[in-house]
N, C-alpha and C. Protein backbone atom coordinates (compact mmCIF):
# COMPACT_ATOMS: atom_id res chain seq x y z
N MET A 1 22.28 -7.51 4.47
CA MET A 1 21.14 -6.77 5.01
C MET A 1 21.05 -5.37 4.38
N LYS A 2 22.22 -4.76 4.08
CA LYS A 2 22.21 -3.43 3.48
C LYS A 2 21.58 -3.45 2.10
N THR A 3 21.87 -4.51 1.33
CA THR A 3 21.27 -4.62 0.00
C THR A 3 19.76 -4.74 0.10
N LEU A 4 19.29 -5.55 1.02
CA LEU A 4 17.86 -5.74 1.20
C LEU A 4 17.19 -4.43 1.62
N ALA A 5 17.80 -3.71 2.56
CA ALA A 5 17.25 -2.43 2.99
C ALA A 5 17.19 -1.44 1.83
N ALA A 6 18.23 -1.44 0.99
CA ALA A 6 18.25 -0.53 -0.16
C ALA A 6 17.13 -0.87 -1.14
N LEU A 7 16.88 -2.16 -1.35
CA LEU A 7 15.81 -2.56 -2.27
C LEU A 7 14.44 -2.17 -1.73
N ILE A 8 14.28 -2.18 -0.41
CA ILE A 8 13.01 -1.77 0.19
C ILE A 8 12.75 -0.29 -0.05
N LEU A 9 13.82 0.50 -0.07
CA LEU A 9 13.68 1.95 -0.25
C LEU A 9 13.70 2.37 -1.72
N LEU A 10 14.07 1.46 -2.61
CA LEU A 10 14.22 1.80 -4.03
C LEU A 10 12.93 2.34 -4.66
N PRO A 11 11.75 1.74 -4.40
CA PRO A 11 10.53 2.32 -5.00
C PRO A 11 10.28 3.76 -4.57
N LEU A 12 10.68 4.12 -3.34
CA LEU A 12 10.48 5.50 -2.90
C LEU A 12 11.36 6.45 -3.70
N ALA A 13 12.59 6.01 -4.01
CA ALA A 13 13.47 6.83 -4.83
C ALA A 13 12.88 7.03 -6.22
N MET A 14 12.26 5.97 -6.76
CA MET A 14 11.65 6.09 -8.08
C MET A 14 10.45 7.03 -8.05
N ILE A 15 9.67 6.97 -6.98
CA ILE A 15 8.55 7.90 -6.86
C ILE A 15 9.06 9.33 -6.81
N GLY A 16 10.13 9.56 -6.06
CA GLY A 16 10.72 10.90 -6.00
C GLY A 16 11.15 11.39 -7.37
N LEU A 17 11.74 10.49 -8.17
CA LEU A 17 12.15 10.85 -9.53
C LEU A 17 10.94 11.15 -10.40
N GLN A 18 9.91 10.32 -10.28
CA GLN A 18 8.68 10.55 -11.06
C GLN A 18 8.09 11.92 -10.74
N LEU A 19 8.06 12.27 -9.46
CA LEU A 19 7.48 13.54 -9.06
C LEU A 19 8.35 14.70 -9.54
N ALA A 20 9.68 14.53 -9.45
CA ALA A 20 10.59 15.59 -9.89
C ALA A 20 10.46 15.86 -11.39
N LEU A 21 10.25 14.78 -12.16
CA LEU A 21 10.11 14.91 -13.62
C LEU A 21 8.67 15.12 -14.05
N ASP A 22 7.75 15.06 -13.08
CA ASP A 22 6.32 15.22 -13.36
C ASP A 22 5.83 14.20 -14.38
N LEU A 23 6.31 12.95 -14.24
CA LEU A 23 5.98 11.92 -15.22
C LEU A 23 4.52 11.51 -15.18
N ASP A 24 3.89 11.60 -13.99
CA ASP A 24 2.49 11.20 -13.91
C ASP A 24 1.60 12.13 -14.74
N THR A 25 2.00 13.39 -14.85
CA THR A 25 1.25 14.33 -15.69
C THR A 25 1.62 14.16 -17.16
N ALA A 26 2.92 13.99 -17.42
CA ALA A 26 3.38 13.91 -18.80
C ALA A 26 3.00 12.60 -19.48
N TRP A 27 3.09 11.48 -18.74
CA TRP A 27 2.86 10.17 -19.33
C TRP A 27 1.58 9.51 -18.88
N GLY A 28 0.81 10.18 -18.05
CA GLY A 28 -0.44 9.61 -17.59
C GLY A 28 -0.24 8.44 -16.64
N ILE A 29 -1.10 7.44 -16.75
CA ILE A 29 -1.08 6.31 -15.82
C ILE A 29 0.22 5.53 -15.93
N LEU A 30 0.85 5.52 -17.11
CA LEU A 30 2.14 4.83 -17.27
C LEU A 30 3.21 5.51 -16.43
N GLY A 31 3.26 6.83 -16.48
CA GLY A 31 4.24 7.55 -15.68
C GLY A 31 4.03 7.38 -14.19
N TYR A 32 2.77 7.38 -13.78
CA TYR A 32 2.46 7.19 -12.37
C TYR A 32 2.86 5.79 -11.89
N SER A 33 2.72 4.79 -12.75
CA SER A 33 2.90 3.39 -12.34
C SER A 33 4.33 2.88 -12.45
N LEU A 34 5.26 3.67 -12.92
CA LEU A 34 6.62 3.18 -13.15
C LEU A 34 7.25 2.57 -11.90
N TYR A 35 7.01 3.20 -10.74
CA TYR A 35 7.65 2.71 -9.52
C TYR A 35 7.24 1.29 -9.17
N LYS A 36 6.09 0.83 -9.68
CA LYS A 36 5.62 -0.50 -9.35
C LYS A 36 6.53 -1.59 -9.92
N LEU A 37 7.29 -1.26 -10.97
CA LEU A 37 8.25 -2.22 -11.49
C LEU A 37 9.28 -2.61 -10.43
N PHE A 38 9.56 -1.68 -9.52
CA PHE A 38 10.55 -1.94 -8.48
C PHE A 38 9.99 -2.79 -7.35
N PHE A 39 8.68 -3.05 -7.40
CA PHE A 39 8.08 -4.03 -6.50
C PHE A 39 8.30 -5.46 -7.01
N ILE A 40 8.67 -5.59 -8.29
CA ILE A 40 8.73 -6.91 -8.92
C ILE A 40 10.16 -7.31 -9.31
N VAL A 41 10.77 -6.49 -10.18
CA VAL A 41 12.04 -6.91 -10.79
C VAL A 41 13.18 -7.04 -9.79
N PRO A 42 13.52 -6.00 -9.00
CA PRO A 42 14.63 -6.16 -8.07
C PRO A 42 14.39 -7.26 -7.02
N PRO A 43 13.19 -7.38 -6.44
CA PRO A 43 12.98 -8.49 -5.50
C PRO A 43 13.18 -9.87 -6.12
N LEU A 44 12.69 -10.06 -7.35
CA LEU A 44 12.86 -11.36 -7.99
C LEU A 44 14.32 -11.65 -8.28
N LEU A 45 15.07 -10.64 -8.70
CA LEU A 45 16.50 -10.82 -8.94
C LEU A 45 17.23 -11.13 -7.64
N TYR A 46 16.86 -10.43 -6.58
CA TYR A 46 17.47 -10.68 -5.27
C TYR A 46 17.20 -12.11 -4.81
N CYS A 47 15.95 -12.54 -4.93
CA CYS A 47 15.59 -13.89 -4.51
C CYS A 47 16.34 -14.93 -5.34
N TRP A 48 16.47 -14.69 -6.63
CA TRP A 48 17.21 -15.61 -7.49
C TRP A 48 18.68 -15.68 -7.06
N ALA A 49 19.27 -14.52 -6.78
CA ALA A 49 20.69 -14.48 -6.40
C ALA A 49 20.94 -15.13 -5.04
N LYS A 50 19.98 -15.01 -4.13
CA LYS A 50 20.15 -15.52 -2.77
C LYS A 50 19.56 -16.91 -2.58
N GLY A 51 19.00 -17.47 -3.62
CA GLY A 51 18.41 -18.80 -3.50
C GLY A 51 17.12 -18.83 -2.70
N VAL A 52 16.38 -17.71 -2.69
CA VAL A 52 15.12 -17.63 -1.98
C VAL A 52 14.00 -18.06 -2.92
N SER A 53 13.19 -19.01 -2.51
CA SER A 53 12.05 -19.45 -3.32
C SER A 53 10.86 -18.56 -3.04
N VAL A 54 10.38 -17.87 -4.05
CA VAL A 54 9.23 -16.97 -3.86
C VAL A 54 7.99 -17.74 -3.42
N PRO A 55 7.63 -18.85 -4.07
CA PRO A 55 6.44 -19.59 -3.60
C PRO A 55 6.60 -20.14 -2.18
N ARG A 56 7.77 -20.70 -1.89
CA ARG A 56 7.95 -21.37 -0.60
C ARG A 56 8.26 -20.40 0.55
N ASP A 57 9.12 -19.40 0.29
CA ASP A 57 9.64 -18.56 1.36
C ASP A 57 8.94 -17.22 1.51
N ILE A 58 8.18 -16.79 0.49
CA ILE A 58 7.55 -15.48 0.54
C ILE A 58 6.03 -15.58 0.47
N LEU A 59 5.50 -16.22 -0.56
CA LEU A 59 4.05 -16.30 -0.71
C LEU A 59 3.43 -17.32 0.25
N LYS A 60 4.02 -18.47 0.36
CA LYS A 60 3.61 -19.51 1.31
C LYS A 60 2.12 -19.86 1.16
N PHE A 61 1.71 -20.09 -0.08
CA PHE A 61 0.31 -20.39 -0.35
C PHE A 61 -0.14 -21.69 0.32
N LYS A 62 0.78 -22.56 0.66
CA LYS A 62 0.41 -23.83 1.30
C LYS A 62 -0.31 -23.59 2.62
N ASN A 63 -0.08 -22.42 3.23
CA ASN A 63 -0.73 -22.09 4.51
C ASN A 63 -1.88 -21.10 4.31
N TRP A 64 -2.51 -21.13 3.14
CA TRP A 64 -3.45 -20.07 2.80
C TRP A 64 -4.63 -19.96 3.74
N ARG A 65 -4.98 -21.05 4.43
CA ARG A 65 -6.14 -21.00 5.34
C ARG A 65 -5.82 -20.29 6.65
N ASN A 66 -4.55 -20.17 6.98
CA ASN A 66 -4.16 -19.63 8.28
C ASN A 66 -4.56 -18.16 8.43
N GLY A 67 -5.21 -17.85 9.53
CA GLY A 67 -5.45 -16.46 9.90
C GLY A 67 -6.52 -15.73 9.14
N LEU A 68 -7.32 -16.43 8.34
CA LEU A 68 -8.30 -15.73 7.50
C LEU A 68 -9.39 -15.07 8.33
N CYS A 69 -9.86 -15.75 9.34
CA CYS A 69 -10.94 -15.17 10.18
C CYS A 69 -10.45 -13.91 10.88
N GLY A 70 -9.26 -14.00 11.46
CA GLY A 70 -8.70 -12.83 12.14
C GLY A 70 -8.47 -11.68 11.18
N ALA A 71 -7.97 -11.98 9.97
CA ALA A 71 -7.74 -10.94 8.98
C ALA A 71 -9.05 -10.28 8.56
N ALA A 72 -10.12 -11.08 8.42
CA ALA A 72 -11.42 -10.53 8.05
C ALA A 72 -11.96 -9.61 9.14
N VAL A 73 -11.79 -10.01 10.39
CA VAL A 73 -12.24 -9.17 11.51
C VAL A 73 -11.46 -7.86 11.54
N LEU A 74 -10.14 -7.96 11.40
CA LEU A 74 -9.32 -6.74 11.38
C LEU A 74 -9.65 -5.88 10.17
N GLY A 75 -9.92 -6.51 9.03
CA GLY A 75 -10.30 -5.76 7.85
C GLY A 75 -11.61 -5.02 8.03
N GLY A 76 -12.59 -5.70 8.63
CA GLY A 76 -13.85 -5.03 8.92
C GLY A 76 -13.67 -3.85 9.86
N LEU A 77 -12.79 -4.01 10.85
CA LEU A 77 -12.49 -2.91 11.77
C LEU A 77 -11.83 -1.75 11.04
N ALA A 78 -10.92 -2.08 10.10
CA ALA A 78 -10.27 -1.03 9.31
C ALA A 78 -11.29 -0.25 8.49
N VAL A 79 -12.24 -0.95 7.89
CA VAL A 79 -13.28 -0.28 7.12
C VAL A 79 -14.07 0.69 8.00
N LEU A 80 -14.45 0.23 9.19
CA LEU A 80 -15.20 1.09 10.11
C LEU A 80 -14.40 2.32 10.52
N ILE A 81 -13.10 2.13 10.78
CA ILE A 81 -12.26 3.25 11.19
C ILE A 81 -12.08 4.24 10.05
N PHE A 82 -11.77 3.74 8.84
CA PHE A 82 -11.54 4.63 7.70
C PHE A 82 -12.80 5.41 7.35
N TRP A 83 -13.92 4.67 7.28
CA TRP A 83 -15.16 5.34 6.93
C TRP A 83 -15.64 6.26 8.05
N GLY A 84 -15.46 5.83 9.28
CA GLY A 84 -15.85 6.68 10.40
C GLY A 84 -15.07 7.98 10.42
N ALA A 85 -13.75 7.89 10.21
CA ALA A 85 -12.92 9.10 10.19
C ALA A 85 -13.32 10.01 9.03
N TYR A 86 -13.61 9.41 7.88
CA TYR A 86 -13.99 10.23 6.73
C TYR A 86 -15.30 10.96 6.97
N TYR A 87 -16.31 10.27 7.47
CA TYR A 87 -17.61 10.90 7.65
C TYR A 87 -17.65 11.86 8.84
N LEU A 88 -16.85 11.58 9.86
CA LEU A 88 -16.83 12.46 11.03
C LEU A 88 -15.96 13.70 10.80
N LEU A 89 -14.87 13.54 10.08
CA LEU A 89 -13.88 14.62 9.98
C LEU A 89 -13.69 15.16 8.56
N GLY A 90 -14.23 14.45 7.57
CA GLY A 90 -13.96 14.83 6.18
C GLY A 90 -14.35 16.25 5.85
N ASP A 91 -15.54 16.65 6.22
CA ASP A 91 -16.01 18.00 5.88
C ASP A 91 -15.21 19.07 6.61
N LEU A 92 -14.67 18.73 7.78
CA LEU A 92 -13.90 19.70 8.57
C LEU A 92 -12.46 19.83 8.09
N LEU A 93 -11.87 18.73 7.65
CA LEU A 93 -10.43 18.71 7.42
C LEU A 93 -10.02 18.64 5.96
N LEU A 94 -10.93 18.29 5.06
CA LEU A 94 -10.55 18.05 3.67
C LEU A 94 -11.20 19.04 2.72
N ASP A 95 -10.42 19.45 1.73
CA ASP A 95 -10.96 20.23 0.61
C ASP A 95 -11.35 19.22 -0.46
N LYS A 96 -12.59 18.76 -0.41
CA LYS A 96 -13.01 17.64 -1.25
C LYS A 96 -12.97 17.98 -2.73
N ALA A 97 -13.34 19.18 -3.09
CA ALA A 97 -13.33 19.58 -4.51
C ALA A 97 -11.90 19.55 -5.06
N MET A 98 -10.94 20.04 -4.27
CA MET A 98 -9.55 20.03 -4.71
C MET A 98 -9.04 18.60 -4.84
N ILE A 99 -9.42 17.72 -3.90
CA ILE A 99 -8.97 16.33 -3.95
C ILE A 99 -9.52 15.63 -5.19
N VAL A 100 -10.77 15.90 -5.53
CA VAL A 100 -11.35 15.31 -6.74
C VAL A 100 -10.55 15.74 -7.96
N ASP A 101 -10.18 17.01 -8.03
CA ASP A 101 -9.38 17.51 -9.16
C ASP A 101 -8.01 16.82 -9.19
N LYS A 102 -7.40 16.64 -8.03
CA LYS A 102 -6.08 16.01 -7.95
C LYS A 102 -6.15 14.53 -8.36
N ILE A 103 -7.20 13.85 -7.92
CA ILE A 103 -7.36 12.44 -8.28
C ILE A 103 -7.46 12.28 -9.79
N ALA A 104 -8.22 13.17 -10.42
CA ALA A 104 -8.39 13.09 -11.87
C ALA A 104 -7.10 13.45 -12.59
N ASP A 105 -6.40 14.48 -12.11
CA ASP A 105 -5.20 14.96 -12.79
C ASP A 105 -4.02 14.02 -12.58
N GLN A 106 -3.82 13.55 -11.36
CA GLN A 106 -2.61 12.79 -11.02
C GLN A 106 -2.78 11.30 -11.25
N PHE A 107 -3.92 10.75 -10.87
CA PHE A 107 -4.14 9.31 -10.97
C PHE A 107 -5.03 8.91 -12.13
N LYS A 108 -5.55 9.92 -12.86
CA LYS A 108 -6.42 9.67 -14.01
C LYS A 108 -7.68 8.87 -13.62
N VAL A 109 -8.16 9.12 -12.42
CA VAL A 109 -9.37 8.47 -11.94
C VAL A 109 -10.50 9.49 -12.00
N THR A 110 -11.54 9.17 -12.76
CA THR A 110 -12.69 10.05 -12.94
C THR A 110 -13.95 9.24 -12.64
N PRO A 111 -15.10 9.90 -12.57
CA PRO A 111 -16.33 9.13 -12.33
C PRO A 111 -16.55 8.03 -13.38
N SER A 112 -16.07 8.23 -14.58
CA SER A 112 -16.28 7.24 -15.64
C SER A 112 -15.26 6.10 -15.60
N THR A 113 -14.13 6.28 -14.92
CA THR A 113 -13.09 5.23 -14.88
C THR A 113 -12.93 4.57 -13.52
N VAL A 114 -13.53 5.16 -12.49
CA VAL A 114 -13.26 4.65 -11.14
C VAL A 114 -13.71 3.21 -10.95
N PHE A 115 -14.81 2.82 -11.60
CA PHE A 115 -15.30 1.46 -11.42
C PHE A 115 -14.48 0.43 -12.21
N LEU A 116 -13.67 0.91 -13.15
CA LEU A 116 -12.72 0.03 -13.83
C LEU A 116 -11.44 -0.09 -13.02
N ILE A 117 -10.99 1.02 -12.46
CA ILE A 117 -9.74 1.05 -11.71
C ILE A 117 -9.89 0.40 -10.34
N ALA A 118 -11.07 0.52 -9.74
CA ALA A 118 -11.28 0.02 -8.37
C ALA A 118 -10.95 -1.47 -8.23
N PRO A 119 -11.46 -2.37 -9.09
CA PRO A 119 -11.13 -3.79 -8.91
C PRO A 119 -9.64 -4.09 -9.07
N ILE A 120 -8.98 -3.36 -9.98
CA ILE A 120 -7.53 -3.54 -10.16
C ILE A 120 -6.80 -3.13 -8.90
N THR A 121 -7.20 -2.02 -8.33
CA THR A 121 -6.57 -1.54 -7.09
C THR A 121 -6.83 -2.49 -5.94
N ILE A 122 -8.08 -2.91 -5.81
CA ILE A 122 -8.48 -3.72 -4.66
C ILE A 122 -7.82 -5.09 -4.67
N PHE A 123 -7.73 -5.72 -5.83
CA PHE A 123 -7.23 -7.10 -5.88
C PHE A 123 -5.78 -7.21 -6.38
N ALA A 124 -5.49 -6.64 -7.54
CA ALA A 124 -4.15 -6.82 -8.13
C ALA A 124 -3.10 -5.96 -7.43
N ASN A 125 -3.39 -4.67 -7.27
CA ASN A 125 -2.40 -3.80 -6.65
C ASN A 125 -2.15 -4.18 -5.19
N SER A 126 -3.20 -4.58 -4.49
CA SER A 126 -3.01 -4.98 -3.09
C SER A 126 -2.13 -6.22 -2.98
N PHE A 127 -2.29 -7.16 -3.93
CA PHE A 127 -1.44 -8.35 -3.91
C PHE A 127 0.01 -7.98 -4.19
N LEU A 128 0.23 -7.08 -5.15
CA LEU A 128 1.59 -6.65 -5.47
C LEU A 128 2.25 -6.01 -4.26
N GLU A 129 1.52 -5.14 -3.55
CA GLU A 129 2.08 -4.49 -2.38
C GLU A 129 2.32 -5.49 -1.24
N GLU A 130 1.44 -6.46 -1.09
CA GLU A 130 1.66 -7.47 -0.06
C GLU A 130 2.88 -8.33 -0.37
N PHE A 131 3.04 -8.69 -1.63
CA PHE A 131 4.24 -9.43 -2.03
C PHE A 131 5.49 -8.65 -1.65
N PHE A 132 5.50 -7.35 -1.99
CA PHE A 132 6.72 -6.56 -1.77
C PHE A 132 6.92 -6.22 -0.29
N TYR A 133 5.91 -5.59 0.33
CA TYR A 133 6.11 -5.07 1.68
C TYR A 133 6.06 -6.13 2.76
N ARG A 134 5.13 -7.05 2.67
CA ARG A 134 5.02 -8.06 3.71
C ARG A 134 5.88 -9.29 3.40
N GLY A 135 5.70 -9.90 2.23
CA GLY A 135 6.42 -11.12 1.93
C GLY A 135 7.90 -10.92 1.74
N PHE A 136 8.27 -9.98 0.86
CA PHE A 136 9.69 -9.76 0.55
C PHE A 136 10.37 -8.90 1.62
N ALA A 137 9.91 -7.66 1.79
CA ALA A 137 10.61 -6.72 2.66
C ALA A 137 10.58 -7.16 4.12
N PHE A 138 9.39 -7.30 4.67
CA PHE A 138 9.28 -7.70 6.07
C PHE A 138 9.74 -9.14 6.27
N GLY A 139 9.24 -10.05 5.43
CA GLY A 139 9.50 -11.46 5.62
C GLY A 139 10.97 -11.82 5.61
N LEU A 140 11.76 -11.16 4.76
CA LEU A 140 13.19 -11.45 4.70
C LEU A 140 14.00 -10.62 5.69
N LEU A 141 13.65 -9.35 5.83
CA LEU A 141 14.45 -8.48 6.71
C LEU A 141 14.28 -8.83 8.18
N VAL A 142 13.07 -9.24 8.59
CA VAL A 142 12.84 -9.52 10.00
C VAL A 142 13.66 -10.72 10.48
N LYS A 143 14.05 -11.58 9.54
CA LYS A 143 14.90 -12.72 9.90
C LYS A 143 16.33 -12.29 10.20
N LYS A 144 16.73 -11.15 9.65
CA LYS A 144 18.09 -10.65 9.83
C LYS A 144 18.19 -9.67 10.99
N HIS A 145 17.14 -8.86 11.18
CA HIS A 145 17.14 -7.86 12.26
C HIS A 145 15.68 -7.57 12.61
N ARG A 146 15.23 -8.07 13.74
CA ARG A 146 13.80 -8.04 14.04
C ARG A 146 13.25 -6.62 14.14
N ARG A 147 13.90 -5.74 14.86
CA ARG A 147 13.37 -4.38 15.02
C ARG A 147 13.35 -3.63 13.69
N LEU A 148 14.45 -3.69 12.96
CA LEU A 148 14.50 -3.03 11.66
C LEU A 148 13.51 -3.68 10.69
N GLY A 149 13.36 -4.99 10.79
CA GLY A 149 12.42 -5.69 9.94
C GLY A 149 10.99 -5.24 10.13
N TYR A 150 10.64 -4.89 11.35
CA TYR A 150 9.29 -4.39 11.60
C TYR A 150 9.14 -2.92 11.19
N LEU A 151 10.16 -2.11 11.45
CA LEU A 151 10.01 -0.67 11.26
C LEU A 151 10.23 -0.21 9.83
N LEU A 152 11.27 -0.71 9.15
CA LEU A 152 11.60 -0.17 7.83
C LEU A 152 10.52 -0.45 6.78
N PRO A 153 10.05 -1.69 6.62
CA PRO A 153 8.99 -1.90 5.62
C PRO A 153 7.71 -1.13 5.92
N ALA A 154 7.35 -1.03 7.21
CA ALA A 154 6.14 -0.28 7.58
C ALA A 154 6.31 1.20 7.27
N ALA A 155 7.49 1.74 7.56
CA ALA A 155 7.75 3.15 7.26
C ALA A 155 7.74 3.39 5.76
N ALA A 156 8.35 2.48 4.99
CA ALA A 156 8.38 2.63 3.54
C ALA A 156 6.97 2.57 2.96
N PHE A 157 6.15 1.64 3.46
CA PHE A 157 4.76 1.53 3.03
C PHE A 157 4.02 2.83 3.30
N THR A 158 4.23 3.40 4.47
CA THR A 158 3.56 4.65 4.84
C THR A 158 3.99 5.79 3.93
N VAL A 159 5.29 5.94 3.74
CA VAL A 159 5.81 7.03 2.91
C VAL A 159 5.32 6.89 1.47
N GLN A 160 5.33 5.66 0.94
CA GLN A 160 4.88 5.45 -0.44
C GLN A 160 3.46 5.98 -0.66
N HIS A 161 2.59 5.71 0.30
CA HIS A 161 1.20 6.10 0.13
C HIS A 161 0.97 7.60 0.36
N LEU A 162 1.97 8.28 0.90
CA LEU A 162 1.80 9.71 1.17
C LEU A 162 2.56 10.61 0.21
N LEU A 163 3.54 10.06 -0.50
CA LEU A 163 4.38 10.91 -1.35
C LEU A 163 3.57 11.63 -2.44
N PHE A 164 2.58 10.94 -2.98
CA PHE A 164 1.81 11.55 -4.06
C PHE A 164 0.75 12.54 -3.55
N ILE A 165 0.39 12.45 -2.27
CA ILE A 165 -0.77 13.21 -1.80
C ILE A 165 -0.49 14.11 -0.61
N TYR A 166 0.77 14.18 -0.16
CA TYR A 166 1.05 14.93 1.07
C TYR A 166 0.64 16.40 0.95
N HIS A 167 0.69 16.95 -0.28
CA HIS A 167 0.38 18.37 -0.48
C HIS A 167 -1.11 18.61 -0.68
N TRP A 168 -1.91 17.55 -0.58
CA TRP A 168 -3.35 17.72 -0.74
C TRP A 168 -4.04 18.15 0.55
N VAL A 169 -3.39 17.93 1.68
CA VAL A 169 -4.08 18.08 2.96
C VAL A 169 -3.27 18.95 3.90
N SER A 170 -3.93 19.45 4.92
CA SER A 170 -3.29 20.25 5.96
C SER A 170 -2.58 19.33 6.97
N PRO A 171 -1.82 19.90 7.90
CA PRO A 171 -1.01 19.07 8.81
C PRO A 171 -1.79 18.05 9.64
N LEU A 172 -2.98 18.39 10.11
CA LEU A 172 -3.70 17.45 10.98
C LEU A 172 -4.14 16.19 10.24
N PRO A 173 -4.85 16.30 9.11
CA PRO A 173 -5.20 15.06 8.39
C PRO A 173 -3.96 14.31 7.89
N PHE A 174 -2.89 15.04 7.59
CA PHE A 174 -1.66 14.36 7.19
C PHE A 174 -1.11 13.53 8.34
N ALA A 175 -1.11 14.09 9.54
CA ALA A 175 -0.63 13.35 10.71
C ALA A 175 -1.51 12.13 10.98
N LEU A 176 -2.82 12.29 10.83
CA LEU A 176 -3.72 11.15 11.02
C LEU A 176 -3.45 10.07 9.98
N ALA A 177 -3.15 10.48 8.75
CA ALA A 177 -2.84 9.51 7.69
C ALA A 177 -1.55 8.76 8.00
N VAL A 178 -0.54 9.47 8.50
CA VAL A 178 0.72 8.82 8.87
C VAL A 178 0.49 7.76 9.92
N VAL A 179 -0.25 8.12 10.97
CA VAL A 179 -0.50 7.17 12.06
C VAL A 179 -1.32 5.99 11.54
N GLY A 180 -2.37 6.27 10.78
CA GLY A 180 -3.24 5.21 10.28
C GLY A 180 -2.51 4.23 9.38
N LEU A 181 -1.69 4.75 8.46
CA LEU A 181 -0.96 3.88 7.54
C LEU A 181 0.11 3.07 8.27
N MET A 182 0.79 3.69 9.21
CA MET A 182 1.84 2.99 9.95
C MET A 182 1.24 1.86 10.78
N VAL A 183 0.13 2.13 11.46
CA VAL A 183 -0.53 1.09 12.25
C VAL A 183 -1.02 -0.03 11.34
N PHE A 184 -1.61 0.33 10.21
CA PHE A 184 -2.09 -0.68 9.26
C PHE A 184 -0.95 -1.57 8.81
N ALA A 185 0.19 -0.98 8.46
CA ALA A 185 1.34 -1.76 7.99
C ALA A 185 1.88 -2.68 9.08
N LEU A 186 1.98 -2.18 10.30
CA LEU A 186 2.48 -3.01 11.40
C LEU A 186 1.55 -4.18 11.69
N VAL A 187 0.24 -3.92 11.63
CA VAL A 187 -0.73 -4.99 11.86
C VAL A 187 -0.64 -6.02 10.74
N ALA A 188 -0.54 -5.56 9.49
CA ALA A 188 -0.43 -6.48 8.36
C ALA A 188 0.82 -7.35 8.48
N GLN A 189 1.92 -6.77 8.94
CA GLN A 189 3.14 -7.54 9.14
C GLN A 189 2.95 -8.61 10.21
N ALA A 190 2.29 -8.23 11.30
CA ALA A 190 2.03 -9.21 12.36
C ALA A 190 1.12 -10.33 11.86
N VAL A 191 0.14 -9.98 11.04
CA VAL A 191 -0.75 -10.98 10.46
C VAL A 191 0.02 -11.93 9.55
N TYR A 192 0.91 -11.38 8.74
CA TYR A 192 1.73 -12.22 7.85
C TYR A 192 2.60 -13.17 8.67
N GLU A 193 3.21 -12.66 9.71
CA GLU A 193 4.10 -13.49 10.53
C GLU A 193 3.32 -14.59 11.24
N LYS A 194 2.16 -14.26 11.78
CA LYS A 194 1.37 -15.24 12.51
C LYS A 194 0.76 -16.29 11.58
N ALA A 195 0.25 -15.84 10.43
CA ALA A 195 -0.39 -16.77 9.49
C ALA A 195 0.63 -17.57 8.70
N ASP A 196 1.84 -17.03 8.56
CA ASP A 196 2.89 -17.67 7.76
C ASP A 196 2.41 -17.88 6.32
N SER A 197 1.72 -16.87 5.81
CA SER A 197 1.18 -16.92 4.44
C SER A 197 0.85 -15.50 4.01
N ILE A 198 0.94 -15.25 2.71
CA ILE A 198 0.62 -13.93 2.16
C ILE A 198 -0.88 -13.71 2.10
N VAL A 199 -1.68 -14.76 2.18
CA VAL A 199 -3.11 -14.65 1.90
C VAL A 199 -3.83 -13.83 2.97
N ALA A 200 -3.53 -14.07 4.25
CA ALA A 200 -4.23 -13.34 5.32
C ALA A 200 -3.98 -11.83 5.27
N PRO A 201 -2.72 -11.36 5.18
CA PRO A 201 -2.54 -9.91 5.06
C PRO A 201 -3.11 -9.35 3.76
N TRP A 202 -3.11 -10.17 2.69
CA TRP A 202 -3.73 -9.72 1.44
C TRP A 202 -5.22 -9.48 1.66
N LEU A 203 -5.89 -10.38 2.38
CA LEU A 203 -7.31 -10.20 2.68
C LEU A 203 -7.53 -8.92 3.48
N LEU A 204 -6.68 -8.68 4.47
CA LEU A 204 -6.76 -7.44 5.24
C LEU A 204 -6.59 -6.23 4.34
N HIS A 205 -5.63 -6.29 3.44
CA HIS A 205 -5.37 -5.18 2.52
C HIS A 205 -6.56 -4.96 1.59
N ILE A 206 -7.18 -6.04 1.14
CA ILE A 206 -8.37 -5.92 0.29
C ILE A 206 -9.46 -5.12 1.01
N PHE A 207 -9.70 -5.45 2.26
CA PHE A 207 -10.69 -4.69 3.04
C PHE A 207 -10.32 -3.20 3.09
N GLY A 208 -9.04 -2.92 3.36
CA GLY A 208 -8.61 -1.54 3.44
C GLY A 208 -8.80 -0.80 2.12
N ASP A 209 -8.49 -1.47 1.01
CA ASP A 209 -8.65 -0.82 -0.29
C ASP A 209 -10.12 -0.68 -0.68
N VAL A 210 -10.97 -1.61 -0.25
CA VAL A 210 -12.40 -1.45 -0.47
C VAL A 210 -12.88 -0.16 0.20
N ALA A 211 -12.42 0.07 1.42
CA ALA A 211 -12.80 1.29 2.13
C ALA A 211 -12.30 2.54 1.39
N MET A 212 -11.04 2.51 0.96
CA MET A 212 -10.47 3.67 0.29
C MET A 212 -11.14 3.94 -1.05
N MET A 213 -11.38 2.89 -1.82
CA MET A 213 -12.03 3.09 -3.11
C MET A 213 -13.49 3.51 -2.92
N GLY A 214 -14.11 3.03 -1.85
CA GLY A 214 -15.46 3.49 -1.55
C GLY A 214 -15.49 4.98 -1.27
N ILE A 215 -14.49 5.46 -0.55
CA ILE A 215 -14.38 6.90 -0.30
C ILE A 215 -14.14 7.65 -1.61
N ALA A 216 -13.28 7.08 -2.47
CA ALA A 216 -13.02 7.72 -3.77
C ALA A 216 -14.29 7.82 -4.60
N VAL A 217 -15.10 6.76 -4.61
CA VAL A 217 -16.37 6.80 -5.34
C VAL A 217 -17.29 7.86 -4.76
N THR A 218 -17.34 7.95 -3.45
CA THR A 218 -18.17 8.97 -2.80
C THR A 218 -17.73 10.37 -3.18
N LEU A 219 -16.41 10.59 -3.22
CA LEU A 219 -15.90 11.91 -3.59
C LEU A 219 -16.22 12.23 -5.05
N LEU A 220 -16.01 11.25 -5.92
CA LEU A 220 -16.17 11.51 -7.35
C LEU A 220 -17.63 11.63 -7.76
N TRP A 221 -18.50 10.91 -7.08
CA TRP A 221 -19.91 10.90 -7.44
C TRP A 221 -20.77 11.71 -6.48
N GLY A 222 -20.13 12.32 -5.49
CA GLY A 222 -20.88 13.06 -4.49
C GLY A 222 -21.47 14.37 -5.01
C-alpha cells in the first residue's frame, strides 16, 4: 500500500521540481507536460509487477454503458456550477487580465492556439487523468484501505490542478477552487466505483473540461 500511495503522489513531486526549475518557462509546453509521464510509466510498471490487468482491472471497457446517463447529468450540473460561479463572481474575485497573461506565459495558450489545445485537453488529457486518478489510484487503493482510497487520490487530484495556479488568485477564490475540485474528484470516484468502468467518470470529466476550456476561451477572446 505504501508503494501505491507513493506513486499517487509522485506526479506532485515532479510538478514541484518543474516549478522549482521553472521548466515550463524554459522548455515551453514540453517542460510543463513532463509530470504527465508519471501518470503513465510508473502505473504501468506497477501493474505489470503486481499482475494487474489494465484493461480488465482498471479501464473495464466491457462495462462502458454503465452509468452514462448519471454521468451526463452530473456533468451538466458541473457545467452550470462552474459557469455560474465564473459569471457571478469572476469580475469580483479574479484579475482576468493577469490570468490571461499567465495562461499564455505558463501554458502557452493564446487566442490563436486555444482551439487546438482545447480538444486535446477535453478528450485526451481527461482520459489520462481518469486512468491515473480514478482507475489506477482510487481503483487499486480503495481495495486496500477504503478511507485512504477515497481521500488520497482526490486530494492529489485537487493539489495537481492548483499547484500551477495557486498564486494567480486571492484566498477566497482559491478556497472555492479547493472545495470545487475536491468535490468533483470525490464524485468522479463514486461514479467510477458505481459504474465499474472508466467511461462514466471520463464523460463527467469531459463535461468539466468543456466548462473550463469555455471559460478559457471567454477570457482569451473577451
